[in-house]
Amino acid sequence: MRMFVSSVLVMFTLVAVVPQAQAQSSHAAPLTALEAAVQDHVASATADREAVARLLARPEVEKIAGEAGIDLRRATQVAATLGGEQLADR
């Protein structure tokens, strides 16, 4: 009887521990996926900055900025430093 109880206890322990050991597999994204996401973000931000620069370089924008007394060179410099949500709100 003692052997039977010991066997059942060992079986129960194995059944309880094995699923937990399997559940500890890594759920983190691979490094290549993280690098690709960062590169996509950088490329998107660069494209957005270039779009703002193209917009500021348009003749009609230059005319309106001049009439409003806005230093377009300064605005272009500031636009080059924008990032994240500021660029998304352009």
PDB file of N, CA and C in Angstrom:
ATOM      1  N   MET A   1       0.822  -1.189   0.000  1.00  0.00           N
ATOM      2  CA  MET A   1       0.000   0.000   0.000  1.00  0.00           C
ATOM      3  C   MET A   1       0.865   1.252   0.000  1.00  0.00           C
ATOM      4  N   ARG A   2       1.924   1.206   0.782  1.00  0.00           N
ATOM      5  CA  ARG A   2       2.818   2.356   0.850  1.00  0.00           C
ATOM      6  C   ARG A   2       3.425   2.631  -0.530  1.00  0.00           C
ATOM      7  N   MET A   3       3.769   1.606  -1.274  1.00  0.00           N
ATOM      8  CA  MET A   3       4.338   1.737  -2.613  1.00  0.00           C
ATOM      9  C   MET A   3       3.302   2.330  -3.558  1.00  0.00           C
ATOM     10  N   PHE A   4       2.067   1.943  -3.417  1.00  0.00           N
ATOM     11  CA  PHE A   4       1.004   2.468  -4.262  1.00  0.00           C
ATOM     12  C   PHE A   4       0.809   3.965  -4.017  1.00  0.00           C
ATOM     13  N   VAL A   5       0.780   4.381  -2.777  1.00  0.00           N
ATOM     14  CA  VAL A   5       0.602   5.794  -2.428  1.00  0.00           C
ATOM     15  C   VAL A   5       1.792   6.606  -2.936  1.00  0.00           C
ATOM     16  N   SER A   6       2.995   6.068  -2.792  1.00  0.00           N
ATOM     17  CA  SER A   6       4.195   6.759  -3.283  1.00  0.00           C
ATOM     18  C   SER A   6       4.143   6.913  -4.802  1.00  0.00           C
ATOM     19  N   SER A   7       3.707   5.871  -5.488  1.00  0.00           N
ATOM     20  CA  SER A   7       3.611   5.922  -6.950  1.00  0.00           C
ATOM     21  C   SER A   7       2.576   6.957  -7.387  1.00  0.00           C
ATOM     22  N   VAL A   8       1.451   6.980  -6.714  1.00  0.00           N
ATOM     23  CA  VAL A   8       0.404   7.944  -7.047  1.00  0.00           C
ATOM     24  C   VAL A   8       0.912   9.367  -6.772  1.00  0.00           C
ATOM     25  N   LEU A   9       1.618   9.562  -5.695  1.00  0.00           N
ATOM     26  CA  LEU A   9       2.158  10.872  -5.354  1.00  0.00           C
ATOM     27  C   LEU A   9       3.170  11.341  -6.405  1.00  0.00           C
ATOM     28  N   VAL A  10       4.030  10.434  -6.855  1.00  0.00           N
ATOM     29  CA  VAL A  10       5.014  10.769  -7.887  1.00  0.00           C
ATOM     30  C   VAL A  10       4.297  11.105  -9.199  1.00  0.00           C
ATOM     31  N   MET A  11       3.312  10.315  -9.568  1.00  0.00           N
ATOM     32  CA  MET A  11       2.557  10.570 -10.797  1.00  0.00           C
ATOM     33  C   MET A  11       1.844  11.924 -10.726  1.00  0.00           C
ATOM     34  N   PHE A  12       1.238  12.201  -9.588  1.00  0.00           N
ATOM     35  CA  PHE A  12       0.534  13.468  -9.422  1.00  0.00           C
ATOM     36  C   PHE A  12       1.516  14.640  -9.534  1.00  0.00           C
ATOM     37  N   THR A  13       2.677  14.505  -8.935  1.00  0.00           N
ATOM     38  CA  THR A  13       3.699  15.554  -8.994  1.00  0.00           C
ATOM     39  C   THR A  13       4.153  15.782 -10.434  1.00  0.00           C
ATOM     40  N   LEU A  14       4.386  14.710 -11.174  1.00  0.00           N
ATOM     41  CA  LEU A  14       4.808  14.837 -12.566  1.00  0.00           C
ATOM     42  C   LEU A  14       3.731  15.496 -13.422  1.00  0.00           C
ATOM     43  N   VAL A  15       2.494  15.111 -13.199  1.00  0.00           N
ATOM     44  CA  VAL A  15       1.390  15.684 -13.958  1.00  0.00           C
ATOM     45  C   VAL A  15       1.251  17.174 -13.643  1.00  0.00           C
ATOM     46  N   ALA A  16       1.499  17.558 -12.430  1.00  0.00           N
ATOM     47  CA  ALA A  16       1.362  18.954 -12.035  1.00  0.00           C
ATOM     48  C   ALA A  16       2.536  19.797 -12.511  1.00  0.00           C
ATOM     49  N   VAL A  17       3.729  19.243 -12.599  1.00  0.00           N
ATOM     50  CA  VAL A  17       4.926  20.014 -12.923  1.00  0.00           C
ATOM     51  C   VAL A  17       5.163  20.111 -14.430  1.00  0.00           C
ATOM     52  N   VAL A  18       4.919  19.083 -15.181  1.00  0.00           N
ATOM     53  CA  VAL A  18       5.236  19.061 -16.608  1.00  0.00           C
ATOM     54  C   VAL A  18       4.509  20.161 -17.389  1.00  0.00           C
ATOM     55  N   PRO A  19       3.219  20.393 -17.210  1.00  0.00           N
ATOM     56  CA  PRO A  19       2.573  21.475 -17.962  1.00  0.00           C
ATOM     57  C   PRO A  19       3.158  22.846 -17.632  1.00  0.00           C
ATOM     58  N   GLN A  20       3.564  23.067 -16.381  1.00  0.00           N
ATOM     59  CA  GLN A  20       4.168  24.343 -16.015  1.00  0.00           C
ATOM     60  C   GLN A  20       5.508  24.526 -16.711  1.00  0.00           C
ATOM     61  N   ALA A  21       6.281  23.488 -16.824  1.00  0.00           N
ATOM     62  CA  ALA A  21       7.574  23.576 -17.498  1.00  0.00           C
ATOM     63  C   ALA A  21       7.372  23.887 -18.977  1.00  0.00           C
ATOM     64  N   GLN A  22       6.370  23.334 -19.593  1.00  0.00           N
ATOM     65  CA  GLN A  22       6.102  23.610 -20.997  1.00  0.00           C
ATOM     66  C   GLN A  22       5.545  25.021 -21.190  1.00  0.00           C
ATOM     67  N   ALA A  23       4.841  25.531 -20.205  1.00  0.00           N
ATOM     68  CA  ALA A  23       4.245  26.856 -20.303  1.00  0.00           C
ATOM     69  C   ALA A  23       5.282  27.960 -20.186  1.00  0.00           C
ATOM     70  N   GLN A  24       6.496  27.640 -19.810  1.00  0.00           N
ATOM     71  CA  GLN A  24       7.528  28.646 -19.637  1.00  0.00           C
ATOM     72  C   GLN A  24       8.274  28.947 -20.927  1.00  0.00           C
ATOM     73  N   SER A  25       7.746  28.536 -22.052  1.00  0.00           N
ATOM     74  CA  SER A  25       8.402  28.847 -23.316  1.00  0.00           C
ATOM     75  C   SER A  25       8.364  30.349 -23.546  1.00  0.00           C
ATOM     76  N   SER A  26       9.311  30.843 -24.273  1.00  0.00           N
ATOM     77  CA  SER A  26       9.452  32.277 -24.505  1.00  0.00           C
ATOM     78  C   SER A  26       8.359  32.804 -25.425  1.00  0.00           C
ATOM     79  N   HIS A  27       7.777  33.928 -25.027  1.00  0.00           N
ATOM     80  CA  HIS A  27       6.761  34.565 -25.847  1.00  0.00           C
ATOM     81  C   HIS A  27       7.263  35.891 -26.398  1.00  0.00           C
ATOM     82  N   ALA A  28       8.535  36.161 -26.223  1.00  0.00           N
ATOM     83  CA  ALA A  28       9.110  37.415 -26.717  1.00  0.00           C
ATOM     84  C   ALA A  28       9.310  37.342 -28.221  1.00  0.00           C
ATOM     85  N   ALA A  29       9.215  38.488 -28.847  1.00  0.00           N
ATOM     86  CA  ALA A  29       9.434  38.560 -30.288  1.00  0.00           C
ATOM     87  C   ALA A  29      10.912  38.340 -30.589  1.00  0.00           C
ATOM     88  N   PRO A  30      11.201  37.696 -31.696  1.00  0.00           N
ATOM     89  CA  PRO A  30      12.609  37.501 -32.059  1.00  0.00           C
ATOM     90  C   PRO A  30      13.276  38.850 -32.343  1.00  0.00           C
ATOM     91  N   LEU A  31      14.578  38.890 -32.176  1.00  0.00           N
ATOM     92  CA  LEU A  31      15.340  40.118 -32.364  1.00  0.00           C
ATOM     93  C   LEU A  31      15.154  40.677 -33.771  1.00  0.00           C
ATOM     94  N   THR A  32      15.079  39.826 -34.767  1.00  0.00           N
ATOM     95  CA  THR A  32      14.910  40.305 -36.138  1.00  0.00           C
ATOM     96  C   THR A  32      13.575  41.028 -36.318  1.00  0.00           C
ATOM     97  N   ALA A  33      12.541  40.544 -35.652  1.00  0.00           N
ATOM     98  CA  ALA A  33      11.233  41.202 -35.741  1.00  0.00           C
ATOM     99  C   ALA A  33      11.275  42.571 -35.062  1.00  0.00           C
ATOM    100  N   LEU A  34      11.968  42.653 -33.935  1.00  0.00           N
ATOM    101  CA  LEU A  34      12.094  43.941 -33.249  1.00  0.00           C
ATOM    102  C   LEU A  34      12.898  44.931 -34.092  1.00  0.00           C
ATOM    103  N   GLU A  35      13.988  44.460 -34.687  1.00  0.00           N
ATOM    104  CA  GLU A  35      14.800  45.328 -35.538  1.00  0.00           C
ATOM    105  C   GLU A  35      13.997  45.819 -36.746  1.00  0.00           C
ATOM    106  N   ALA A  36      13.204  44.938 -37.329  1.00  0.00           N
ATOM    107  CA  ALA A  36      12.376  45.318 -38.479  1.00  0.00           C
ATOM    108  C   ALA A  36      11.342  46.362 -38.071  1.00  0.00           C
ATOM    109  N   ALA A  37      10.755  46.211 -36.901  1.00  0.00           N
ATOM    110  CA  ALA A  37       9.763  47.174 -36.429  1.00  0.00           C
ATOM    111  C   ALA A  37      10.393  48.544 -36.207  1.00  0.00           C
ATOM    112  N   VAL A  38      11.596  48.556 -35.642  1.00  0.00           N
ATOM    113  CA  VAL A  38      12.295  49.834 -35.422  1.00  0.00           C
ATOM    114  C   VAL A  38      12.628  50.482 -36.760  1.00  0.00           C
ATOM    115  N   GLN A  39      13.121  49.682 -37.699  1.00  0.00           N
ATOM    116  CA  GLN A  39      13.459  50.224 -39.022  1.00  0.00           C
ATOM    117  C   GLN A  39      12.218  50.787 -39.721  1.00  0.00           C
ATOM    118  N   ASP A  40      11.094  50.100 -39.603  1.00  0.00           N
ATOM    119  CA  ASP A  40       9.844  50.592 -40.189  1.00  0.00           C
ATOM    120  C   ASP A  40       9.440  51.929 -39.567  1.00  0.00           C
ATOM    121  N   HIS A  41       9.587  52.021 -38.249  1.00  0.00           N
ATOM    122  CA  HIS A  41       9.232  53.250 -37.546  1.00  0.00           C
ATOM    123  C   HIS A  41      10.133  54.406 -37.994  1.00  0.00           C
ATOM    124  N   VAL A  42      11.428  54.147 -38.085  1.00  0.00           N
ATOM    125  CA  VAL A  42      12.378  55.177 -38.507  1.00  0.00           C
ATOM    126  C   VAL A  42      12.089  55.610 -39.940  1.00  0.00           C
ATOM    127  N   ALA A  43      11.836  54.645 -40.819  1.00  0.00           N
ATOM    128  CA  ALA A  43      11.532  54.968 -42.215  1.00  0.00           C
ATOM    129  C   ALA A  43      10.251  55.786 -42.321  1.00  0.00           C
ATOM    130  N   SER A  44       9.256  55.444 -41.524  1.00  0.00           N
ATOM    131  CA  SER A  44       7.991  56.172 -41.542  1.00  0.00           C
ATOM    132  C   SER A  44       8.190  57.611 -41.055  1.00  0.00           C
ATOM    133  N   ALA A  45       8.943  57.789 -39.972  1.00  0.00           N
ATOM    134  CA  ALA A  45       9.198  59.122 -39.441  1.00  0.00           C
ATOM    135  C   ALA A  45       9.990  59.955 -40.442  1.00  0.00           C
ATOM    136  N   THR A  46      10.963  59.341 -41.096  1.00  0.00           N
ATOM    137  CA  THR A  46      11.754  60.048 -42.106  1.00  0.00           C
ATOM    138  C   THR A  46      10.870  60.481 -43.270  1.00  0.00           C
ATOM    139  N   ALA A  47      10.015  59.591 -43.726  1.00  0.00           N
ATOM    140  CA  ALA A  47       9.105  59.923 -44.821  1.00  0.00           C
ATOM    141  C   ALA A  47       8.169  61.060 -44.417  1.00  0.00           C
ATOM    142  N   ASP A  48       7.685  61.041 -43.185  1.00  0.00           N
ATOM    143  CA  ASP A  48       6.800  62.112 -42.715  1.00  0.00           C
ATOM    144  C   ASP A  48       7.536  63.452 -42.663  1.00  0.00           C
ATOM    145  N   ARG A  49       8.787  63.443 -42.166  1.00  0.00           N
ATOM    146  CA  ARG A  49       9.572  64.674 -42.131  1.00  0.00           C
ATOM    147  C   ARG A  49       9.808  65.219 -43.532  1.00  0.00           C
ATOM    148  N   GLU A  50      10.108  64.328 -44.468  1.00  0.00           N
ATOM    149  CA  GLU A  50      10.319  64.751 -45.861  1.00  0.00           C
ATOM    150  C   GLU A  50       9.047  65.334 -46.455  1.00  0.00           C
ATOM    151  N   ALA A  51       7.899  64.765 -46.114  1.00  0.00           N
ATOM    152  CA  ALA A  51       6.624  65.292 -46.610  1.00  0.00           C
ATOM    153  C   ALA A  51       6.381  66.696 -46.071  1.00  0.00           C
ATOM    154  N   VAL A  52       6.688  66.925 -44.812  1.00  0.00           N
ATOM    155  CA  VAL A  52       6.514  68.255 -44.227  1.00  0.00           C
ATOM    156  C   VAL A  52       7.471  69.237 -44.900  1.00  0.00           C
ATOM    157  N   ALA A  53       8.720  68.820 -45.134  1.00  0.00           N
ATOM    158  CA  ALA A  53       9.697  69.696 -45.796  1.00  0.00           C
ATOM    159  C   ALA A  53       9.242  70.058 -47.212  1.00  0.00           C
ATOM    160  N   ARG A  54       8.691  69.066 -47.934  1.00  0.00           N
ATOM    161  CA  ARG A  54       8.174  69.350 -49.286  1.00  0.00           C
ATOM    162  C   ARG A  54       7.018  70.347 -49.231  1.00  0.00           C
ATOM    163  N   LEU A  55       6.165  70.185 -48.242  1.00  0.00           N
ATOM    164  CA  LEU A  55       5.037  71.095 -48.086  1.00  0.00           C
ATOM    165  C   LEU A  55       5.526  72.509 -47.794  1.00  0.00           C
ATOM    166  N   LEU A  56       6.495  72.645 -46.910  1.00  0.00           N
ATOM    167  CA  LEU A  56       7.010  73.966 -46.563  1.00  0.00           C
ATOM    168  C   LEU A  56       7.763  74.613 -47.721  1.00  0.00           C
ATOM    169  N   ALA A  57       8.242  73.822 -48.655  1.00  0.00           N
ATOM    170  CA  ALA A  57       8.994  74.347 -49.803  1.00  0.00           C
ATOM    171  C   ALA A  57       8.080  74.775 -50.956  1.00  0.00           C
ATOM    172  N   ARG A  58       6.805  74.520 -50.857  1.00  0.00           N
ATOM    173  CA  ARG A  58       5.879  74.891 -51.949  1.00  0.00           C
ATOM    174  C   ARG A  58       5.762  76.415 -52.027  1.00  0.00           C
ATOM    175  N   PRO A  59       5.685  76.940 -53.251  1.00  0.00           N
ATOM    176  CA  PRO A  59       5.622  78.400 -53.436  1.00  0.00           C
ATOM    177  C   PRO A  59       4.448  79.060 -52.711  1.00  0.00           C
ATOM    178  N   GLU A  60       3.293  78.415 -52.729  1.00  0.00           N
ATOM    179  CA  GLU A  60       2.138  79.025 -52.064  1.00  0.00           C
ATOM    180  C   GLU A  60       2.316  79.085 -50.547  1.00  0.00           C
ATOM    181  N   VAL A  61       3.016  78.099 -49.982  1.00  0.00           N
ATOM    182  CA  VAL A  61       3.291  78.107 -48.537  1.00  0.00           C
ATOM    183  C   VAL A  61       4.296  79.206 -48.232  1.00  0.00           C
ATOM    184  N   GLU A  62       5.323  79.347 -49.099  1.00  0.00           N
ATOM    185  CA  GLU A  62       6.310  80.418 -48.914  1.00  0.00           C
ATOM    186  C   GLU A  62       5.624  81.788 -48.953  1.00  0.00           C
ATOM    187  N   LYS A  63       4.679  81.958 -49.875  1.00  0.00           N
ATOM    188  CA  LYS A  63       3.967  83.225 -50.001  1.00  0.00           C
ATOM    189  C   LYS A  63       3.153  83.518 -48.742  1.00  0.00           C
ATOM    190  N   ILE A  64       2.385  82.526 -48.287  1.00  0.00           N
ATOM    191  CA  ILE A  64       1.550  82.711 -47.094  1.00  0.00           C
ATOM    192  C   ILE A  64       2.419  82.960 -45.862  1.00  0.00           C
ATOM    193  N   ALA A  65       3.522  82.222 -45.746  1.00  0.00           N
ATOM    194  CA  ALA A  65       4.422  82.411 -44.607  1.00  0.00           C
ATOM    195  C   ALA A  65       5.012  83.817 -44.632  1.00  0.00           C
ATOM    196  N   GLY A  66       5.395  84.293 -45.802  1.00  0.00           N
ATOM    197  CA  GLY A  66       5.935  85.653 -45.909  1.00  0.00           C
ATOM    198  C   GLY A  66       4.914  86.704 -45.518  1.00  0.00           C
ATOM    199  N   GLU A  67       3.679  86.526 -45.966  1.00  0.00           N
ATOM    200  CA  GLU A  67       2.614  87.474 -45.631  1.00  0.00           C
ATOM    201  C   GLU A  67       2.306  87.467 -44.137  1.00  0.00           C
ATOM    202  N   ALA A  68       2.472  86.297 -43.509  1.00  0.00           N
ATOM    203  CA  ALA A  68       2.168  86.180 -42.079  1.00  0.00           C
ATOM    204  C   ALA A  68       3.374  86.508 -41.206  1.00  0.00           C
ATOM    205  N   GLY A  69       4.513  86.773 -41.842  1.00  0.00           N
ATOM    206  CA  GLY A  69       5.714  87.110 -41.081  1.00  0.00           C
ATOM    207  C   GLY A  69       6.370  85.900 -40.425  1.00  0.00           C
ATOM    208  N   ILE A  70       6.147  84.732 -40.988  1.00  0.00           N
ATOM    209  CA  ILE A  70       6.720  83.497 -40.439  1.00  0.00           C
ATOM    210  C   ILE A  70       8.063  83.227 -41.105  1.00  0.00           C
ATOM    211  N   ASP A  71       9.076  82.981 -40.302  1.00  0.00           N
ATOM    212  CA  ASP A  71      10.402  82.630 -40.815  1.00  0.00           C
ATOM    213  C   ASP A  71      10.354  81.172 -41.274  1.00  0.00           C
ATOM    214  N   LEU A  72      10.288  80.974 -42.570  1.00  0.00           N
ATOM    215  CA  LEU A  72      10.127  79.638 -43.122  1.00  0.00           C
ATOM    216  C   LEU A  72      11.369  78.773 -42.900  1.00  0.00           C
ATOM    217  N   ARG A  73      12.543  79.395 -42.870  1.00  0.00           N
ATOM    218  CA  ARG A  73      13.760  78.613 -42.576  1.00  0.00           C
ATOM    219  C   ARG A  73      13.679  78.024 -41.173  1.00  0.00           C
ATOM    220  N   ARG A  74      13.234  78.835 -40.249  1.00  0.00           N
ATOM    221  CA  ARG A  74      13.090  78.358 -38.862  1.00  0.00           C
ATOM    222  C   ARG A  74      12.021  77.274 -38.778  1.00  0.00           C
ATOM    223  N   ALA A  75      10.929  77.463 -39.474  1.00  0.00           N
ATOM    224  CA  ALA A  75       9.858  76.460 -39.481  1.00  0.00           C
ATOM    225  C   ALA A  75      10.363  75.143 -40.057  1.00  0.00           C
ATOM    226  N   THR A  76      11.183  75.221 -41.093  1.00  0.00           N
ATOM    227  CA  THR A  76      11.755  74.013 -41.697  1.00  0.00           C
ATOM    228  C   THR A  76      12.699  73.320 -40.723  1.00  0.00           C
ATOM    229  N   GLN A  77      13.495  74.108 -39.995  1.00  0.00           N
ATOM    230  CA  GLN A  77      14.402  73.527 -38.992  1.00  0.00           C
ATOM    231  C   GLN A  77      13.625  72.842 -37.878  1.00  0.00           C
ATOM    232  N   VAL A  78      12.561  73.475 -37.443  1.00  0.00           N
ATOM    233  CA  VAL A  78      11.736  72.892 -36.384  1.00  0.00           C
ATOM    234  C   VAL A  78      11.070  71.609 -36.877  1.00  0.00           C
ATOM    235  N   ALA A  79      10.581  71.632 -38.098  1.00  0.00           N
ATOM    236  CA  ALA A  79       9.907  70.457 -38.660  1.00  0.00           C
ATOM    237  C   ALA A  79      10.858  69.266 -38.737  1.00  0.00           C
ATOM    238  N   ALA A  80      12.148  69.537 -38.943  1.00  0.00           N
ATOM    239  CA  ALA A  80      13.136  68.456 -39.023  1.00  0.00           C
ATOM    240  C   ALA A  80      13.355  67.775 -37.683  1.00  0.00           C
ATOM    241  N   THR A  81      12.936  68.415 -36.595  1.00  0.00           N
ATOM    242  CA  THR A  81      13.126  67.819 -35.265  1.00  0.00           C
ATOM    243  C   THR A  81      11.882  67.128 -34.741  1.00  0.00           C
ATOM    244  N   LEU A  82      10.783  67.239 -35.463  1.00  0.00           N
ATOM    245  CA  LEU A  82       9.533  66.614 -35.010  1.00  0.00           C
ATOM    246  C   LEU A  82       9.637  65.097 -35.030  1.00  0.00           C
ATOM    247  N   GLY A  83       8.891  64.477 -34.165  1.00  0.00           N
ATOM    248  CA  GLY A  83       8.872  63.018 -34.139  1.00  0.00           C
ATOM    249  C   GLY A  83       7.571  62.511 -33.565  1.00  0.00           C
ATOM    250  N   GLY A  84       7.369  61.228 -33.703  1.00  0.00           N
ATOM    251  CA  GLY A  84       6.227  60.553 -33.091  1.00  0.00           C
ATOM    252  C   GLY A  84       4.891  61.155 -33.433  1.00  0.00           C
ATOM    253  N   GLU A  85       4.123  61.482 -32.405  1.00  0.00           N
ATOM    254  CA  GLU A  85       2.761  61.985 -32.584  1.00  0.00           C
ATOM    255  C   GLU A  85       2.741  63.338 -33.280  1.00  0.00           C
ATOM    256  N   GLN A  86       3.800  64.145 -33.074  1.00  0.00           N
ATOM    257  CA  GLN A  86       3.854  65.448 -33.720  1.00  0.00           C
ATOM    258  C   GLN A  86       3.849  65.295 -35.238  1.00  0.00           C
ATOM    259  N   LEU A  87       4.579  64.304 -35.736  1.00  0.00           N
ATOM    260  CA  LEU A  87       4.601  64.066 -37.177  1.00  0.00           C
ATOM    261  C   LEU A  87       3.286  63.485 -37.645  1.00  0.00           C
ATOM    262  N   ALA A  88       2.684  62.649 -36.844  1.00  0.00           N
ATOM    263  CA  ALA A  88       1.416  62.019 -37.227  1.00  0.00           C
ATOM    264  C   ALA A  88       0.302  63.066 -37.325  1.00  0.00           C
ATOM    265  N   ASP A  89       0.440  64.157 -36.592  1.00  0.00           N
ATOM    266  CA  ASP A  89      -0.577  65.222 -36.601  1.00  0.00           C
ATOM    267  C   ASP A  89      -0.359  66.221 -37.718  1.00  0.00           C
ATOM    268  N   ARG A  90       0.633  66.011 -38.526  1.00  0.00           N
ATOM    269  CA  ARG A  90       0.954  66.994 -39.572  1.00  0.00           C
ATOM    270  C   ARG A  90      -0.243  67.182 -40.411  1.00  0.00           C
TER     271      ARG A  90
END
